[in-house]
Amino acid sequence: MDKNIEAVVNDIKTSPKAITIVMGNQKGGVGKTTNTYLIAYTLAKMGIKTLVVDLDPQANSTKTLVLTRSRESDTVEPIDKTLMRGVQEGSLEELPVKILENLYLLPSYIDFQDFTKYLYTHTSNEYEESHLLAPLFEPLKKDYDVILLDVPPFSIEVTRNAAMFSDYALISLQTHEDSLTGAEEYVNTLVSLNEKYDINLEIIGLIPMLHDARSGVDKTIIANAKAEFGEENVFSTIVPQMARVKRFPINGITERDRFDARVLDLYQTVTDEMLSRLGLLRNVN
């Protein structure tokens, strides 16, 4: 492990509470979930105790990681309580389930689509609406090194709540015009929340995900993103289209052959760059 990366890992592991990172973009289908669970998987392999929080009622992170757990164990405990149930009961501390060594999941389910209705019937002002989840997640931070949040697109209520208890944001940027617009809208939302609530949430960077490697549009979108957000804020590591990634939601994350290795090696590079950027933000030498 590179010495600079090692220093950041040590900083994260000795922090009194988890570093919380939200994976965002207002547009759907831009690789947020893939980035979330593959970065989490990589962090866990590096010895960093990581919790994936699935805040999306489609529960794609949950499905992929549960399949990953099933692949690794002959006896799998059933998931008998989901995120929405924990919110309703006022505690999330018993919800995380172990997937692999150092990798945990706070699972979601289709019932989380009721969150917005629950939110507006259990709050009386805008501040309460934005801060309903924060006190529920705070007790979890003492148990993990990193918490990664997978948030749904188009849900301003979940976006606001996730931002309130996050330290950093990663933005998944598919090289498609709609994705760039979604990234711009997401950053504007975070800036607005920072100004309104003084949450000091910082953006680690944008991870480019190729939409069509054969198209010149991809290069144009990346160039536009660098012009819009600053070249230094766009990851130098670009995630190409890889057929094997499409199998992970069906089979779980696997390490069987060179195609798996190619994906996981790439995400090691993505994760290393994320950690390097975190080191700069946290002033780790």
C-alpha atoms as a PDB file:
ATOM      1  CA  MET A   1       0.000   0.000   0.000  1.00  0.00           C
ATOM      2  CA  ASP A   2       1.247   3.473  -0.906  1.00  0.00           C
ATOM      3  CA  LYS A   3       2.493   5.356   2.175  1.00  0.00           C
ATOM      4  CA  ASN A   4       0.159   8.292   1.570  1.00  0.00           C
ATOM      5  CA  ILE A   5      -2.829   5.946   1.245  1.00  0.00           C
ATOM      6  CA  GLU A   6      -1.703   4.093   4.351  1.00  0.00           C
ATOM      7  CA  ALA A   7      -1.621   7.372   6.290  1.00  0.00           C
ATOM      8  CA  VAL A   8      -5.180   8.171   5.236  1.00  0.00           C
ATOM      9  CA  VAL A   9      -6.367   4.668   6.151  1.00  0.00           C
ATOM     10  CA  ASN A  10      -4.788   5.050   9.596  1.00  0.00           C
ATOM     11  CA  ASP A  11      -6.436   8.442   9.998  1.00  0.00           C
ATOM     12  CA  ILE A  12      -9.835   6.974   9.122  1.00  0.00           C
ATOM     13  CA  LYS A  13      -9.435   3.975  11.425  1.00  0.00           C
ATOM     14  CA  THR A  14      -8.368   6.101  14.393  1.00  0.00           C
ATOM     15  CA  SER A  15     -11.136   8.678  13.967  1.00  0.00           C
ATOM     16  CA  PRO A  16     -13.571   8.611  16.931  1.00  0.00           C
ATOM     17  CA  LYS A  17     -16.545   8.233  14.604  1.00  0.00           C
ATOM     18  CA  ALA A  18     -17.227   7.090  11.067  1.00  0.00           C
ATOM     19  CA  ILE A  19     -16.483   9.273   8.081  1.00  0.00           C
ATOM     20  CA  THR A  20     -19.835   9.461   6.312  1.00  0.00           C
ATOM     21  CA  ILE A  21     -19.966   9.814   2.522  1.00  0.00           C
ATOM     22  CA  VAL A  22     -23.106  10.252   0.430  1.00  0.00           C
ATOM     23  CA  MET A  23     -23.055   9.081  -3.193  1.00  0.00           C
ATOM     24  CA  GLY A  24     -25.153  11.484  -5.212  1.00  0.00           C
ATOM     25  CA  ASN A  25     -26.578  12.755  -8.480  1.00  0.00           C
ATOM     26  CA  GLN A  26     -30.122  13.990  -9.063  1.00  0.00           C
ATOM     27  CA  LYS A  27     -30.304  11.763 -12.169  1.00  0.00           C
ATOM     28  CA  GLY A  28     -30.984   8.032 -11.934  1.00  0.00           C
ATOM     29  CA  GLY A  29     -29.056   5.268 -13.691  1.00  0.00           C
ATOM     30  CA  VAL A  30     -25.657   6.947 -13.455  1.00  0.00           C
ATOM     31  CA  GLY A  31     -23.773   4.315 -11.444  1.00  0.00           C
ATOM     32  CA  LYS A  32     -24.367   5.575  -7.893  1.00  0.00           C
ATOM     33  CA  THR A  33     -25.269   2.151  -6.543  1.00  0.00           C
ATOM     34  CA  THR A  34     -22.449   0.363  -8.386  1.00  0.00           C
ATOM     35  CA  ASN A  35     -19.932   2.872  -7.072  1.00  0.00           C
ATOM     36  CA  THR A  36     -21.330   2.592  -3.558  1.00  0.00           C
ATOM     37  CA  TYR A  37     -21.103  -1.164  -3.141  1.00  0.00           C
ATOM     38  CA  LEU A  38     -17.843  -1.653  -5.055  1.00  0.00           C
ATOM     39  CA  ILE A  39     -16.039   1.123  -3.162  1.00  0.00           C
ATOM     40  CA  ALA A  40     -17.446  -0.305   0.083  1.00  0.00           C
ATOM     41  CA  TYR A  41     -16.289  -3.801  -0.870  1.00  0.00           C
ATOM     42  CA  THR A  42     -12.815  -2.455  -1.645  1.00  0.00           C
ATOM     43  CA  LEU A  43     -12.591  -0.502   1.605  1.00  0.00           C
ATOM     44  CA  ALA A  44     -13.566  -3.626   3.541  1.00  0.00           C
ATOM     45  CA  LYS A  45     -10.829  -5.622   1.808  1.00  0.00           C
ATOM     46  CA  MET A  46      -8.403  -2.903   2.932  1.00  0.00           C
ATOM     47  CA  GLY A  47      -9.366  -3.537   6.552  1.00  0.00           C
ATOM     48  CA  ILE A  48     -11.676  -0.517   6.879  1.00  0.00           C
ATOM     49  CA  LYS A  49     -14.895  -1.353   8.706  1.00  0.00           C
ATOM     50  CA  THR A  50     -17.545  -0.099   6.296  1.00  0.00           C
ATOM     51  CA  LEU A  51     -21.313   0.225   6.465  1.00  0.00           C
ATOM     52  CA  VAL A  52     -23.440   0.611   3.330  1.00  0.00           C
ATOM     53  CA  VAL A  53     -26.715   2.398   4.051  1.00  0.00           C
ATOM     54  CA  ASP A  54     -29.328   1.734   1.376  1.00  0.00           C
ATOM     55  CA  LEU A  55     -31.662   4.752   1.320  1.00  0.00           C
ATOM     56  CA  ASP A  56     -33.317   3.740  -1.953  1.00  0.00           C
ATOM     57  CA  PRO A  57     -36.652   1.860  -1.909  1.00  0.00           C
ATOM     58  CA  GLN A  58     -35.521  -0.002  -5.038  1.00  0.00           C
ATOM     59  CA  ALA A  59     -32.991  -1.623  -2.663  1.00  0.00           C
ATOM     60  CA  ASN A  60     -30.432  -2.480  -5.355  1.00  0.00           C
ATOM     61  CA  SER A  61     -27.470  -2.176  -2.987  1.00  0.00           C
ATOM     62  CA  THR A  62     -29.305  -4.433  -0.550  1.00  0.00           C
ATOM     63  CA  LYS A  63     -30.008  -7.079  -3.197  1.00  0.00           C
ATOM     64  CA  THR A  64     -26.435  -7.151  -4.505  1.00  0.00           C
ATOM     65  CA  LEU A  65     -24.814  -7.287  -1.081  1.00  0.00           C
ATOM     66  CA  VAL A  66     -27.222  -9.926   0.236  1.00  0.00           C
ATOM     67  CA  LEU A  67     -26.332 -12.057  -2.799  1.00  0.00           C
ATOM     68  CA  THR A  68     -22.659 -11.454  -2.012  1.00  0.00           C
ATOM     69  CA  ARG A  69     -23.231 -12.645   1.551  1.00  0.00           C
ATOM     70  CA  SER A  70     -25.096 -15.744   0.332  1.00  0.00           C
ATOM     71  CA  ARG A  71     -22.143 -16.629  -1.901  1.00  0.00           C
ATOM     72  CA  GLU A  72     -19.748 -16.479   1.039  1.00  0.00           C
ATOM     73  CA  SER A  73     -21.762 -18.404   3.628  1.00  0.00           C
ATOM     74  CA  ASP A  74     -23.725 -21.647   3.746  1.00  0.00           C
ATOM     75  CA  THR A  75     -25.894 -20.363   6.604  1.00  0.00           C
ATOM     76  CA  VAL A  76     -27.400 -16.929   6.107  1.00  0.00           C
ATOM     77  CA  GLU A  77     -29.468 -15.196   8.757  1.00  0.00           C
ATOM     78  CA  PRO A  78     -32.674 -13.677   7.347  1.00  0.00           C
ATOM     79  CA  ILE A  79     -33.155  -9.915   7.323  1.00  0.00           C
ATOM     80  CA  ASP A  80     -36.193  -9.355   9.518  1.00  0.00           C
ATOM     81  CA  LYS A  81     -36.117  -5.573   9.915  1.00  0.00           C
ATOM     82  CA  THR A  82     -35.559  -2.903   7.256  1.00  0.00           C
ATOM     83  CA  LEU A  83     -34.658   0.767   7.297  1.00  0.00           C
ATOM     84  CA  MET A  84     -38.262   2.012   7.252  1.00  0.00           C
ATOM     85  CA  ARG A  85     -39.157  -0.197  10.185  1.00  0.00           C
ATOM     86  CA  GLY A  86     -36.199   1.199  12.113  1.00  0.00           C
ATOM     87  CA  VAL A  87     -37.242   4.767  11.316  1.00  0.00           C
ATOM     88  CA  GLN A  88     -40.762   4.047  12.546  1.00  0.00           C
ATOM     89  CA  GLU A  89     -39.449   2.477  15.755  1.00  0.00           C
ATOM     90  CA  GLY A  90     -36.966   5.296  16.363  1.00  0.00           C
ATOM     91  CA  SER A  91     -33.752   3.238  16.322  1.00  0.00           C
ATOM     92  CA  LEU A  92     -31.421   1.849  13.642  1.00  0.00           C
ATOM     93  CA  GLU A  93     -28.776   0.324  15.894  1.00  0.00           C
ATOM     94  CA  GLU A  94     -29.961  -3.287  15.547  1.00  0.00           C
ATOM     95  CA  LEU A  95     -30.449  -3.117  11.771  1.00  0.00           C
ATOM     96  CA  PRO A  96     -26.962  -3.534  10.215  1.00  0.00           C
ATOM     97  CA  VAL A  97     -26.173  -7.047   8.993  1.00  0.00           C
ATOM     98  CA  LYS A  98     -22.715  -8.466   8.332  1.00  0.00           C
ATOM     99  CA  ILE A  99     -21.987  -9.199   4.673  1.00  0.00           C
ATOM    100  CA  LEU A 100     -18.280 -10.029   4.826  1.00  0.00           C
ATOM    101  CA  GLU A 101     -15.395  -9.262   7.145  1.00  0.00           C
ATOM    102  CA  ASN A 102     -15.439  -5.465   7.648  1.00  0.00           C
ATOM    103  CA  LEU A 103     -18.461  -5.021   5.355  1.00  0.00           C
ATOM    104  CA  TYR A 104     -21.932  -4.349   6.749  1.00  0.00           C
ATOM    105  CA  LEU A 105     -25.292  -3.354   5.282  1.00  0.00           C
ATOM    106  CA  LEU A 106     -28.215  -1.361   6.617  1.00  0.00           C
ATOM    107  CA  PRO A 107     -30.862  -2.847   4.309  1.00  0.00           C
ATOM    108  CA  SER A 108     -33.735  -1.136   2.570  1.00  0.00           C
ATOM    109  CA  TYR A 109     -36.924  -2.473   1.040  1.00  0.00           C
ATOM    110  CA  ILE A 110     -39.846  -1.236  -1.038  1.00  0.00           C
ATOM    111  CA  ASP A 111     -41.515   0.015   2.164  1.00  0.00           C
ATOM    112  CA  PHE A 112     -39.004   2.899   2.268  1.00  0.00           C
ATOM    113  CA  GLN A 113     -41.090   4.556  -0.447  1.00  0.00           C
ATOM    114  CA  ASP A 114     -43.358   5.543   2.466  1.00  0.00           C
ATOM    115  CA  PHE A 115     -40.593   7.664   3.991  1.00  0.00           C
ATOM    116  CA  THR A 116     -41.816  10.939   2.470  1.00  0.00           C
ATOM    117  CA  LYS A 117     -45.347  10.447   3.788  1.00  0.00           C
ATOM    118  CA  TYR A 118     -43.971   9.485   7.210  1.00  0.00           C
ATOM    119  CA  LEU A 119     -41.673  12.513   7.176  1.00  0.00           C
ATOM    120  CA  TYR A 120     -44.425  15.058   6.586  1.00  0.00           C
ATOM    121  CA  THR A 121     -46.766  13.508   9.156  1.00  0.00           C
ATOM    122  CA  HIS A 122     -44.086  13.419  11.894  1.00  0.00           C
ATOM    123  CA  THR A 123     -42.518  16.869  11.493  1.00  0.00           C
ATOM    124  CA  SER A 124     -43.856  20.379  11.940  1.00  0.00           C
ATOM    125  CA  ASN A 125     -41.316  22.617  10.189  1.00  0.00           C
ATOM    126  CA  GLU A 126     -38.627  22.620   7.492  1.00  0.00           C
ATOM    127  CA  TYR A 127     -35.760  22.090   9.937  1.00  0.00           C
ATOM    128  CA  GLU A 128     -37.376  18.962  11.360  1.00  0.00           C
ATOM    129  CA  GLU A 129     -38.102  17.723   7.840  1.00  0.00           C
ATOM    130  CA  SER A 130     -34.389  17.937   6.959  1.00  0.00           C
ATOM    131  CA  HIS A 131     -33.111  16.492  10.242  1.00  0.00           C
ATOM    132  CA  LEU A 132     -35.393  13.525  10.893  1.00  0.00           C
ATOM    133  CA  LEU A 133     -32.753  10.885  10.040  1.00  0.00           C
ATOM    134  CA  ALA A 134     -29.646  12.535  11.524  1.00  0.00           C
ATOM    135  CA  PRO A 135     -30.247  11.613  15.205  1.00  0.00           C
ATOM    136  CA  LEU A 136     -31.092   8.039  14.199  1.00  0.00           C
ATOM    137  CA  PHE A 137     -27.776   7.612  12.361  1.00  0.00           C
ATOM    138  CA  GLU A 138     -25.536   9.355  14.868  1.00  0.00           C
ATOM    139  CA  PRO A 139     -25.280   6.322  17.241  1.00  0.00           C
ATOM    140  CA  LEU A 140     -24.076   4.135  14.343  1.00  0.00           C
ATOM    141  CA  LYS A 141     -21.029   6.314  13.680  1.00  0.00           C
ATOM    142  CA  LYS A 142     -19.137   4.991  16.689  1.00  0.00           C
ATOM    143  CA  ASP A 143     -19.225   1.419  15.312  1.00  0.00           C
ATOM    144  CA  TYR A 144     -17.724   1.939  11.835  1.00  0.00           C
ATOM    145  CA  ASP A 145     -14.780   3.578  10.092  1.00  0.00           C
ATOM    146  CA  VAL A 146     -16.709   4.625   6.967  1.00  0.00           C
ATOM    147  CA  ILE A 147     -20.433   4.878   6.224  1.00  0.00           C
ATOM    148  CA  LEU A 148     -21.441   5.056   2.543  1.00  0.00           C
ATOM    149  CA  LEU A 149     -24.940   6.256   1.700  1.00  0.00           C
ATOM    150  CA  ASP A 150     -26.715   5.117  -1.465  1.00  0.00           C
ATOM    151  CA  VAL A 151     -29.481   7.667  -2.082  1.00  0.00           C
ATOM    152  CA  PRO A 152     -32.272   7.540  -4.674  1.00  0.00           C
ATOM    153  CA  PRO A 153     -32.611  10.076  -7.484  1.00  0.00           C
ATOM    154  CA  PHE A 154     -35.460  12.584  -7.542  1.00  0.00           C
ATOM    155  CA  SER A 155     -36.077  12.468  -3.765  1.00  0.00           C
ATOM    156  CA  ILE A 156     -35.227  15.856  -2.312  1.00  0.00           C
ATOM    157  CA  GLU A 157     -36.442  14.689   1.111  1.00  0.00           C
ATOM    158  CA  VAL A 158     -33.932  11.827   1.281  1.00  0.00           C
ATOM    159  CA  THR A 159     -31.191  13.977  -0.286  1.00  0.00           C
ATOM    160  CA  ARG A 160     -31.619  16.678   2.359  1.00  0.00           C
ATOM    161  CA  ASN A 161     -31.732  14.211   5.236  1.00  0.00           C
ATOM    162  CA  ALA A 162     -28.643  12.334   4.013  1.00  0.00           C
ATOM    163  CA  ALA A 163     -26.679  15.565   3.666  1.00  0.00           C
ATOM    164  CA  MET A 164     -27.424  16.530   7.274  1.00  0.00           C
ATOM    165  CA  PHE A 165     -25.369  13.662   8.725  1.00  0.00           C
ATOM    166  CA  SER A 166     -22.728  13.327   5.966  1.00  0.00           C
ATOM    167  CA  ASP A 167     -19.192  14.673   6.034  1.00  0.00           C
ATOM    168  CA  TYR A 168     -18.466  14.324   2.323  1.00  0.00           C
ATOM    169  CA  ALA A 169     -20.166  13.728  -1.021  1.00  0.00           C
ATOM    170  CA  LEU A 170     -19.044  11.680  -4.012  1.00  0.00           C
ATOM    171  CA  ILE A 171     -20.785  12.395  -7.288  1.00  0.00           C
ATOM    172  CA  SER A 172     -21.315   9.662  -9.843  1.00  0.00           C
ATOM    173  CA  LEU A 173     -21.111  11.191 -13.319  1.00  0.00           C
ATOM    174  CA  GLN A 174     -22.177   9.088 -16.275  1.00  0.00           C
ATOM    175  CA  THR A 175     -20.919  10.659 -19.494  1.00  0.00           C
ATOM    176  CA  HIS A 176     -24.383  11.663 -20.635  1.00  0.00           C
ATOM    177  CA  GLU A 177     -25.807  15.191 -20.761  1.00  0.00           C
ATOM    178  CA  ASP A 178     -28.656  14.356 -18.359  1.00  0.00           C
ATOM    179  CA  SER A 179     -26.134  13.055 -15.841  1.00  0.00           C
ATOM    180  CA  LEU A 180     -24.075  16.250 -16.031  1.00  0.00           C
ATOM    181  CA  THR A 181     -27.221  18.292 -15.461  1.00  0.00           C
ATOM    182  CA  GLY A 182     -28.129  16.029 -12.539  1.00  0.00           C
ATOM    183  CA  ALA A 183     -24.652  16.538 -11.049  1.00  0.00           C
ATOM    184  CA  GLU A 184     -25.002  20.305 -11.368  1.00  0.00           C
ATOM    185  CA  GLU A 185     -28.408  20.223  -9.675  1.00  0.00           C
ATOM    186  CA  TYR A 186     -27.057  17.980  -6.914  1.00  0.00           C
ATOM    187  CA  VAL A 187     -24.094  20.277  -6.213  1.00  0.00           C
ATOM    188  CA  ASN A 188     -26.424  23.277  -6.144  1.00  0.00           C
ATOM    189  CA  THR A 189     -28.604  21.466  -3.603  1.00  0.00           C
ATOM    190  CA  LEU A 190     -25.582  20.731  -1.390  1.00  0.00           C
ATOM    191  CA  VAL A 191     -24.354  24.319  -1.632  1.00  0.00           C
ATOM    192  CA  SER A 192     -27.799  25.560  -0.627  1.00  0.00           C
ATOM    193  CA  LEU A 193     -27.940  23.177   2.344  1.00  0.00           C
ATOM    194  CA  ASN A 194     -24.416  24.150   3.396  1.00  0.00           C
ATOM    195  CA  GLU A 195     -25.380  27.807   3.396  1.00  0.00           C
ATOM    196  CA  LYS A 196     -28.691  27.268   5.162  1.00  0.00           C
ATOM    197  CA  TYR A 197     -27.612  24.830   7.887  1.00  0.00           C
ATOM    198  CA  ASP A 198     -23.806  25.302   8.016  1.00  0.00           C
ATOM    199  CA  ILE A 199     -23.212  21.536   7.744  1.00  0.00           C
ATOM    200  CA  ASN A 200     -19.669  21.852   6.299  1.00  0.00           C
ATOM    201  CA  LEU A 201     -20.216  19.020   3.837  1.00  0.00           C
ATOM    202  CA  GLU A 202     -17.335  18.830   1.339  1.00  0.00           C
ATOM    203  CA  ILE A 203     -17.303  17.275  -2.134  1.00  0.00           C
ATOM    204  CA  ILE A 204     -14.579  14.673  -2.678  1.00  0.00           C
ATOM    205  CA  GLY A 205     -15.012  14.728  -6.443  1.00  0.00           C
ATOM    206  CA  LEU A 206     -16.881  13.424  -9.461  1.00  0.00           C
ATOM    207  CA  ILE A 207     -16.305   9.865 -10.710  1.00  0.00           C
ATOM    208  CA  PRO A 208     -16.755   9.652 -14.523  1.00  0.00           C
ATOM    209  CA  MET A 209     -18.641   6.561 -15.720  1.00  0.00           C
ATOM    210  CA  LEU A 210     -18.483   6.031 -19.494  1.00  0.00           C
ATOM    211  CA  HIS A 211     -21.890   5.921 -21.170  1.00  0.00           C
ATOM    212  CA  ASP A 212     -20.579   4.775 -24.577  1.00  0.00           C
ATOM    213  CA  ALA A 213     -16.828   4.346 -24.950  1.00  0.00           C
ATOM    214  CA  ARG A 214     -17.170   4.479 -28.751  1.00  0.00           C
ATOM    215  CA  SER A 215     -18.775   7.900 -28.726  1.00  0.00           C
ATOM    216  CA  GLY A 216     -16.971  11.214 -28.768  1.00  0.00           C
ATOM    217  CA  VAL A 217     -19.744  12.559 -26.552  1.00  0.00           C
ATOM    218  CA  ASP A 218     -18.052  10.958 -23.541  1.00  0.00           C
ATOM    219  CA  LYS A 219     -14.944  13.096 -23.928  1.00  0.00           C
ATOM    220  CA  THR A 220     -17.081  16.179 -24.417  1.00  0.00           C
ATOM    221  CA  ILE A 221     -19.078  15.546 -21.238  1.00  0.00           C
ATOM    222  CA  ILE A 222     -15.899  14.985 -19.208  1.00  0.00           C
ATOM    223  CA  ALA A 223     -14.407  18.182 -20.643  1.00  0.00           C
ATOM    224  CA  ASN A 224     -17.604  20.061 -19.793  1.00  0.00           C
ATOM    225  CA  ALA A 225     -17.566  18.649 -16.267  1.00  0.00           C
ATOM    226  CA  LYS A 226     -13.978  19.825 -15.773  1.00  0.00           C
ATOM    227  CA  ALA A 227     -14.915  23.274 -17.054  1.00  0.00           C
ATOM    228  CA  GLU A 228     -17.987  23.407 -14.799  1.00  0.00           C
ATOM    229  CA  PHE A 229     -16.550  21.974 -11.582  1.00  0.00           C
ATOM    230  CA  GLY A 230     -12.806  22.460 -12.034  1.00  0.00           C
ATOM    231  CA  GLU A 231     -10.413  19.875 -13.452  1.00  0.00           C
ATOM    232  CA  GLU A 232      -9.057  19.125  -9.988  1.00  0.00           C
ATOM    233  CA  ASN A 233     -12.536  18.017  -8.849  1.00  0.00           C
ATOM    234  CA  VAL A 234     -13.006  15.335 -11.524  1.00  0.00           C
ATOM    235  CA  PHE A 235     -11.421  11.950 -10.814  1.00  0.00           C
ATOM    236  CA  SER A 236      -8.582  11.045 -13.153  1.00  0.00           C
ATOM    237  CA  THR A 237      -9.763   7.428 -12.941  1.00  0.00           C
ATOM    238  CA  ILE A 238     -12.510   6.807 -15.488  1.00  0.00           C
ATOM    239  CA  VAL A 239     -14.811   3.793 -15.119  1.00  0.00           C
ATOM    240  CA  PRO A 240     -15.460   2.184 -18.533  1.00  0.00           C
ATOM    241  CA  GLN A 241     -18.412   0.024 -19.415  1.00  0.00           C
ATOM    242  CA  MET A 242     -17.716  -3.518 -18.182  1.00  0.00           C
ATOM    243  CA  ALA A 243     -20.065  -6.401 -18.834  1.00  0.00           C
ATOM    244  CA  ARG A 244     -19.043  -8.152 -15.604  1.00  0.00           C
ATOM    245  CA  VAL A 245     -20.431  -5.291 -13.500  1.00  0.00           C
ATOM    246  CA  LYS A 246     -23.890  -6.128 -14.869  1.00  0.00           C
ATOM    247  CA  ARG A 247     -23.602  -9.628 -13.382  1.00  0.00           C
ATOM    248  CA  PHE A 248     -22.975  -8.493  -9.810  1.00  0.00           C
ATOM    249  CA  PRO A 249     -26.652  -7.601  -9.149  1.00  0.00           C
ATOM    250  CA  ILE A 250     -27.517 -11.124 -10.336  1.00  0.00           C
ATOM    251  CA  ASN A 251     -24.753 -13.160  -8.682  1.00  0.00           C
ATOM    252  CA  GLY A 252     -23.351 -10.846  -6.026  1.00  0.00           C
ATOM    253  CA  ILE A 253     -19.784  -9.537  -6.107  1.00  0.00           C
ATOM    254  CA  THR A 254     -17.509 -12.379  -7.146  1.00  0.00           C
ATOM    255  CA  GLU A 255     -13.757 -12.986  -7.423  1.00  0.00           C
ATOM    256  CA  ARG A 256     -13.716 -15.999  -9.723  1.00  0.00           C
ATOM    257  CA  ASP A 257     -11.829 -15.051 -12.846  1.00  0.00           C
ATOM    258  CA  ARG A 258      -9.865 -12.378 -14.695  1.00  0.00           C
ATOM    259  CA  PHE A 259     -13.041 -10.464 -15.547  1.00  0.00           C
ATOM    260  CA  ASP A 260     -13.888 -10.102 -11.862  1.00  0.00           C
ATOM    261  CA  ALA A 261     -10.274  -9.178 -11.191  1.00  0.00           C
ATOM    262  CA  ARG A 262     -10.374  -6.471 -13.858  1.00  0.00           C
ATOM    263  CA  VAL A 263     -13.389  -4.823 -12.202  1.00  0.00           C
ATOM    264  CA  LEU A 264     -11.999  -5.105  -8.677  1.00  0.00           C
ATOM    265  CA  ASP A 265      -8.555  -3.846  -9.720  1.00  0.00           C
ATOM    266  CA  LEU A 266     -10.204  -0.827 -11.308  1.00  0.00           C
ATOM    267  CA  TYR A 267     -12.205  -0.115  -8.160  1.00  0.00           C
ATOM    268  CA  GLN A 268      -9.042  -0.421  -6.112  1.00  0.00           C
ATOM    269  CA  THR A 269      -7.706   2.440  -8.233  1.00  0.00           C
ATOM    270  CA  VAL A 270     -10.963   4.406  -7.800  1.00  0.00           C
ATOM    271  CA  THR A 271     -10.882   3.824  -4.040  1.00  0.00           C
ATOM    272  CA  ASP A 272      -7.215   4.776  -3.782  1.00  0.00           C
ATOM    273  CA  GLU A 273      -7.954   8.038  -5.582  1.00  0.00           C
ATOM    274  CA  MET A 274     -10.899   8.668  -3.279  1.00  0.00           C
ATOM    275  CA  LEU A 275      -8.674   8.093  -0.245  1.00  0.00           C
ATOM    276  CA  SER A 276      -5.977  10.384  -1.644  1.00  0.00           C
ATOM    277  CA  ARG A 277      -8.562  13.125  -2.134  1.00  0.00           C
ATOM    278  CA  LEU A 278      -9.880  12.528   1.384  1.00  0.00           C
ATOM    279  CA  GLY A 279      -6.338  12.889   2.679  1.00  0.00           C
ATOM    280  CA  LEU A 280      -6.050  16.323   1.100  1.00  0.00           C
ATOM    281  CA  LEU A 281      -9.401  17.408   2.500  1.00  0.00           C
ATOM    282  CA  ARG A 282      -8.477  16.106   5.969  1.00  0.00           C
ATOM    283  CA  ASN A 283      -4.912  17.477   5.838  1.00  0.00           C
ATOM    284  CA  VAL A 284      -3.358  14.043   6.262  1.00  0.00           C
ATOM    285  CA  ASN A 285       0.350  14.023   5.349  1.00  0.00           C
END
